[in-house]
Amino acid sequence: MSAVELQISPQEAAALHHAILAAHAQHDLAQLVELYAIAADGKEAEGDTDAACFFLTQAFVFALEAGVARAQELNHRLVAYGRAWPLEQ
C-alpha cells in the first residue's frame, strides 16, 4: 500500500476524531490504541513526523495501560524516530 492510499480524507479525519472521543468516553483502551495508531499512520503518510509521533505516543501509552502486545511495536516506531527509549534494555 502506498503512502497516498494511507492518507486520511477530511471526512475520515472527522470520523476518526469522533471515534477517539467515543473511545475515551467508554474508557476503551484497546480501541484507543488502534484509533491513535490509525491517526499516526495517516500523519506519517502525510509526512508530518511531529503529529505522527504525538499520535504514536498516545497509542503507546494506552497500549501500556491496557497491557496489549502492540506496545512493543509502537515503542519500536517511536524509537526509530528518536522519540523514545527501547522498552527492552
Protein backbone atom coordinates (compact mmCIF):
# COMPACT_ATOMS: atom_id res chain seq x y z
CA MET A 1 0.00 0.00 0.00
CA SER A 2 1.43 3.39 -0.94
CA ALA A 3 1.55 6.45 1.27
CA VAL A 4 -1.13 8.09 -0.88
CA GLU A 5 -3.52 5.24 -0.08
CA LEU A 6 -2.93 5.75 3.63
CA GLN A 7 -3.81 9.44 3.65
CA ILE A 8 -6.97 10.28 5.53
CA SER A 9 -9.61 12.48 3.92
CA PRO A 10 -11.15 15.34 5.93
CA GLN A 11 -14.32 13.27 6.35
CA GLU A 12 -12.34 10.27 7.59
CA ALA A 13 -10.36 12.53 9.93
CA ALA A 14 -13.59 13.87 11.41
CA ALA A 15 -14.96 10.35 11.84
CA LEU A 16 -11.68 9.27 13.45
CA HIS A 17 -11.82 12.25 15.82
CA HIS A 18 -15.36 11.33 16.89
CA ALA A 19 -14.39 7.68 17.31
CA ILE A 20 -11.45 8.69 19.53
CA LEU A 21 -13.75 10.84 21.67
CA ALA A 22 -16.24 7.97 21.96
CA ALA A 23 -13.50 5.51 22.93
CA HIS A 24 -12.31 7.94 25.61
CA ALA A 25 -15.86 8.29 26.92
CA GLN A 26 -16.17 4.49 27.08
CA HIS A 27 -12.68 4.05 28.56
CA ASP A 28 -11.99 1.54 25.77
CA LEU A 29 -8.21 1.36 25.95
CA ALA A 30 -7.79 -1.27 23.23
CA GLN A 31 -9.85 0.82 20.83
CA LEU A 32 -7.85 3.93 21.73
CA VAL A 33 -4.63 2.11 20.84
CA GLU A 34 -5.99 1.22 17.41
CA LEU A 35 -7.52 4.63 16.70
CA TYR A 36 -4.44 6.59 17.72
CA ALA A 37 -2.29 4.23 15.63
CA ILE A 38 -4.53 4.91 12.63
CA ALA A 39 -4.16 8.64 13.21
CA ALA A 40 -0.38 8.20 13.44
CA ASP A 41 -0.32 6.22 10.20
CA GLY A 42 -2.22 8.99 8.44
CA LYS A 43 0.10 11.71 9.69
CA GLU A 44 3.11 9.60 8.80
CA ALA A 45 1.75 9.20 5.26
CA GLU A 46 1.37 12.99 5.05
CA GLY A 47 4.98 13.41 6.14
CA ASP A 48 4.04 15.13 9.41
CA THR A 49 6.51 13.42 11.74
CA ASP A 50 5.71 15.52 14.81
CA ALA A 51 1.98 14.80 14.59
CA ALA A 52 2.65 11.13 13.81
CA CYS A 53 4.85 10.83 16.89
CA PHE A 54 2.25 12.58 19.04
CA PHE A 55 -0.39 10.03 17.99
CA LEU A 56 2.11 7.15 18.31
CA THR A 57 2.85 8.28 21.85
CA GLN A 58 -0.84 8.29 22.72
CA ALA A 59 -1.26 4.82 21.21
CA PHE A 60 1.82 3.60 23.08
CA VAL A 61 0.69 4.94 26.45
CA PHE A 62 -2.76 3.37 26.09
CA ALA A 63 -1.17 0.10 24.93
CA LEU A 64 0.97 0.05 28.06
CA GLU A 65 -2.03 0.87 30.23
CA ALA A 66 -4.11 -1.85 28.57
CA GLY A 67 -1.25 -4.36 28.66
CA VAL A 68 -1.58 -5.17 24.96
CA ALA A 69 1.26 -6.68 22.94
CA ARG A 70 1.14 -3.85 20.40
CA ALA A 71 3.03 -1.67 22.90
CA GLN A 72 6.28 -3.24 21.70
CA GLU A 73 5.63 -2.34 18.04
CA LEU A 74 4.60 1.21 18.93
CA ASN A 75 7.71 1.60 21.06
CA HIS A 76 9.90 0.44 18.15
CA ARG A 77 8.31 3.05 15.89
CA LEU A 78 8.91 5.82 18.42
CA VAL A 79 12.50 4.67 18.94
CA ALA A 80 13.05 4.79 15.17
CA TYR A 81 12.07 8.47 15.27
CA GLY A 82 14.31 9.12 18.27
CA ARG A 83 11.27 9.89 20.43
CA ALA A 84 11.55 7.08 22.99
CA TRP A 85 13.96 4.66 24.62
CA PRO A 86 13.57 0.95 23.79
CA LEU A 87 11.48 -0.97 26.29
CA GLU A 88 13.99 -3.80 26.43
CA GLN A 89 17.42 -2.81 27.68
